Amino acid sequence: MANSFNKCSYTAKRETSQYNKRMKWHLETFRGDGGSLYSSQYFKTQKEMNQHIERMIYSGKEGFPIGNYLSFTEYTQI
């Protein structure tokens, strides 16, 4: 099984969602190619967002199977 390695960056900030006023924390993930947006998520609490970031970093280090490849991702905070 071959391995692939990706680099991503993320930014976490307090920002109220335009569509759901109860969502107060905004997490944006960018690709390593110079900053194209990969995902955008809102969370109700900072604790919930931090737990998601920890899971995201952990699964990136452990690798994620995609077909016959094991994909690893390194996340850095902007």
C-alpha atoms as a PDB file:
ATOM      1  CA  MET A   1       0.000   0.000   0.000  1.00  0.00           C
ATOM      2  CA  ALA A   2       1.480   3.336  -1.051  1.00  0.00           C
ATOM      3  CA  ASN A   3       1.352   6.479   1.078  1.00  0.00           C
ATOM      4  CA  SER A   4       0.428  10.030   0.123  1.00  0.00           C
ATOM      5  CA  PHE A   5       1.143  13.159   2.176  1.00  0.00           C
ATOM      6  CA  ASN A   6      -0.903  16.368   2.197  1.00  0.00           C
ATOM      7  CA  LYS A   7      -0.377  19.704   3.897  1.00  0.00           C
ATOM      8  CA  CYS A   8      -3.257  21.813   5.121  1.00  0.00           C
ATOM      9  CA  SER A   9      -3.629  24.853   7.312  1.00  0.00           C
ATOM     10  CA  TYR A  10      -6.531  26.028   9.433  1.00  0.00           C
ATOM     11  CA  THR A  11      -7.780  29.116  11.165  1.00  0.00           C
ATOM     12  CA  ALA A  12     -10.150  29.193  14.142  1.00  0.00           C
ATOM     13  CA  LYS A  13     -11.909  32.364  15.272  1.00  0.00           C
ATOM     14  CA  ARG A  14     -15.010  33.654  17.001  1.00  0.00           C
ATOM     15  CA  GLU A  15     -17.497  34.670  14.339  1.00  0.00           C
ATOM     16  CA  THR A  16     -21.287  34.344  14.247  1.00  0.00           C
ATOM     17  CA  SER A  17     -22.782  32.366  11.376  1.00  0.00           C
ATOM     18  CA  GLN A  18     -24.920  34.272   8.895  1.00  0.00           C
ATOM     19  CA  TYR A  19     -27.507  31.465   8.800  1.00  0.00           C
ATOM     20  CA  ASN A  20     -27.587  30.191  12.393  1.00  0.00           C
ATOM     21  CA  LYS A  21     -27.036  32.790  15.108  1.00  0.00           C
ATOM     22  CA  ARG A  22     -26.298  30.117  17.775  1.00  0.00           C
ATOM     23  CA  MET A  23     -23.128  29.046  15.959  1.00  0.00           C
ATOM     24  CA  LYS A  24     -20.390  31.310  17.346  1.00  0.00           C
ATOM     25  CA  TRP A  25     -17.040  29.685  16.378  1.00  0.00           C
ATOM     26  CA  HIS A  26     -15.751  29.429  12.811  1.00  0.00           C
ATOM     27  CA  LEU A  27     -13.150  26.899  11.609  1.00  0.00           C
ATOM     28  CA  GLU A  28     -11.749  27.201   8.080  1.00  0.00           C
ATOM     29  CA  THR A  29      -9.377  24.651   6.558  1.00  0.00           C
ATOM     30  CA  PHE A  30      -7.206  25.543   3.550  1.00  0.00           C
ATOM     31  CA  ARG A  31      -5.281  23.349   1.122  1.00  0.00           C
ATOM     32  CA  GLY A  32      -1.500  23.546   1.044  1.00  0.00           C
ATOM     33  CA  ASP A  33      -1.430  24.825  -2.547  1.00  0.00           C
ATOM     34  CA  GLY A  34      -1.496  28.443  -1.524  1.00  0.00           C
ATOM     35  CA  GLY A  35      -4.698  28.859   0.347  1.00  0.00           C
ATOM     36  CA  SER A  36      -7.753  27.582  -1.536  1.00  0.00           C
ATOM     37  CA  LEU A  37     -10.597  26.932   0.917  1.00  0.00           C
ATOM     38  CA  TYR A  38     -11.029  23.223   1.718  1.00  0.00           C
ATOM     39  CA  SER A  39     -13.810  23.370   4.321  1.00  0.00           C
ATOM     40  CA  SER A  40     -15.687  25.832   6.498  1.00  0.00           C
ATOM     41  CA  GLN A  41     -17.476  24.772   9.684  1.00  0.00           C
ATOM     42  CA  TYR A  42     -19.261  26.516  12.535  1.00  0.00           C
ATOM     43  CA  PHE A  43     -19.470  25.308  16.139  1.00  0.00           C
ATOM     44  CA  LYS A  44     -21.596  26.368  19.102  1.00  0.00           C
ATOM     45  CA  THR A  45     -18.758  26.350  21.648  1.00  0.00           C
ATOM     46  CA  GLN A  46     -15.015  26.821  21.601  1.00  0.00           C
ATOM     47  CA  LYS A  47     -14.576  23.497  23.430  1.00  0.00           C
ATOM     48  CA  GLU A  48     -16.483  21.645  20.692  1.00  0.00           C
ATOM     49  CA  MET A  49     -14.329  23.294  18.010  1.00  0.00           C
ATOM     50  CA  ASN A  50     -11.074  22.471  19.842  1.00  0.00           C
ATOM     51  CA  GLN A  51     -12.115  18.820  20.195  1.00  0.00           C
ATOM     52  CA  HIS A  52     -12.787  18.671  16.452  1.00  0.00           C
ATOM     53  CA  ILE A  53      -9.354  20.187  15.713  1.00  0.00           C
ATOM     54  CA  GLU A  54      -7.680  17.603  17.982  1.00  0.00           C
ATOM     55  CA  ARG A  55      -9.502  14.746  16.183  1.00  0.00           C
ATOM     56  CA  MET A  56      -8.593  16.260  12.809  1.00  0.00           C
ATOM     57  CA  ILE A  57      -4.882  16.471  13.696  1.00  0.00           C
ATOM     58  CA  TYR A  58      -4.869  12.965  15.229  1.00  0.00           C
ATOM     59  CA  SER A  59      -6.505  11.325  12.195  1.00  0.00           C
ATOM     60  CA  GLY A  60      -4.096  13.193   9.898  1.00  0.00           C
ATOM     61  CA  LYS A  61      -1.096  11.752  11.746  1.00  0.00           C
ATOM     62  CA  GLU A  62      -2.538   8.215  11.881  1.00  0.00           C
ATOM     63  CA  GLY A  63      -3.458   8.198   8.205  1.00  0.00           C
ATOM     64  CA  PHE A  64      -6.756   7.736   6.410  1.00  0.00           C
ATOM     65  CA  PRO A  65      -7.285   4.883   3.931  1.00  0.00           C
ATOM     66  CA  ILE A  66      -8.381   6.034   0.477  1.00  0.00           C
ATOM     67  CA  GLY A  67      -8.586   3.138  -1.968  1.00  0.00           C
ATOM     68  CA  ASN A  68      -5.203   1.387  -2.000  1.00  0.00           C
ATOM     69  CA  TYR A  69      -3.437   4.392  -0.458  1.00  0.00           C
ATOM     70  CA  LEU A  70      -2.938   5.622   3.077  1.00  0.00           C
ATOM     71  CA  SER A  71      -3.294   9.408   3.132  1.00  0.00           C
ATOM     72  CA  PHE A  72      -1.508  11.458   5.826  1.00  0.00           C
ATOM     73  CA  THR A  73      -2.215  15.150   6.437  1.00  0.00           C
ATOM     74  CA  GLU A  74      -0.157  17.707   8.344  1.00  0.00           C
ATOM     75  CA  TYR A  75      -2.221  20.582   9.779  1.00  0.00           C
ATOM     76  CA  THR A  76      -0.696  23.927  10.739  1.00  0.00           C
ATOM     77  CA  GLN A  77      -2.505  26.855  12.323  1.00  0.00           C
ATOM     78  CA  ILE A  78      -2.476  30.188  10.530  1.00  0.00           C
END
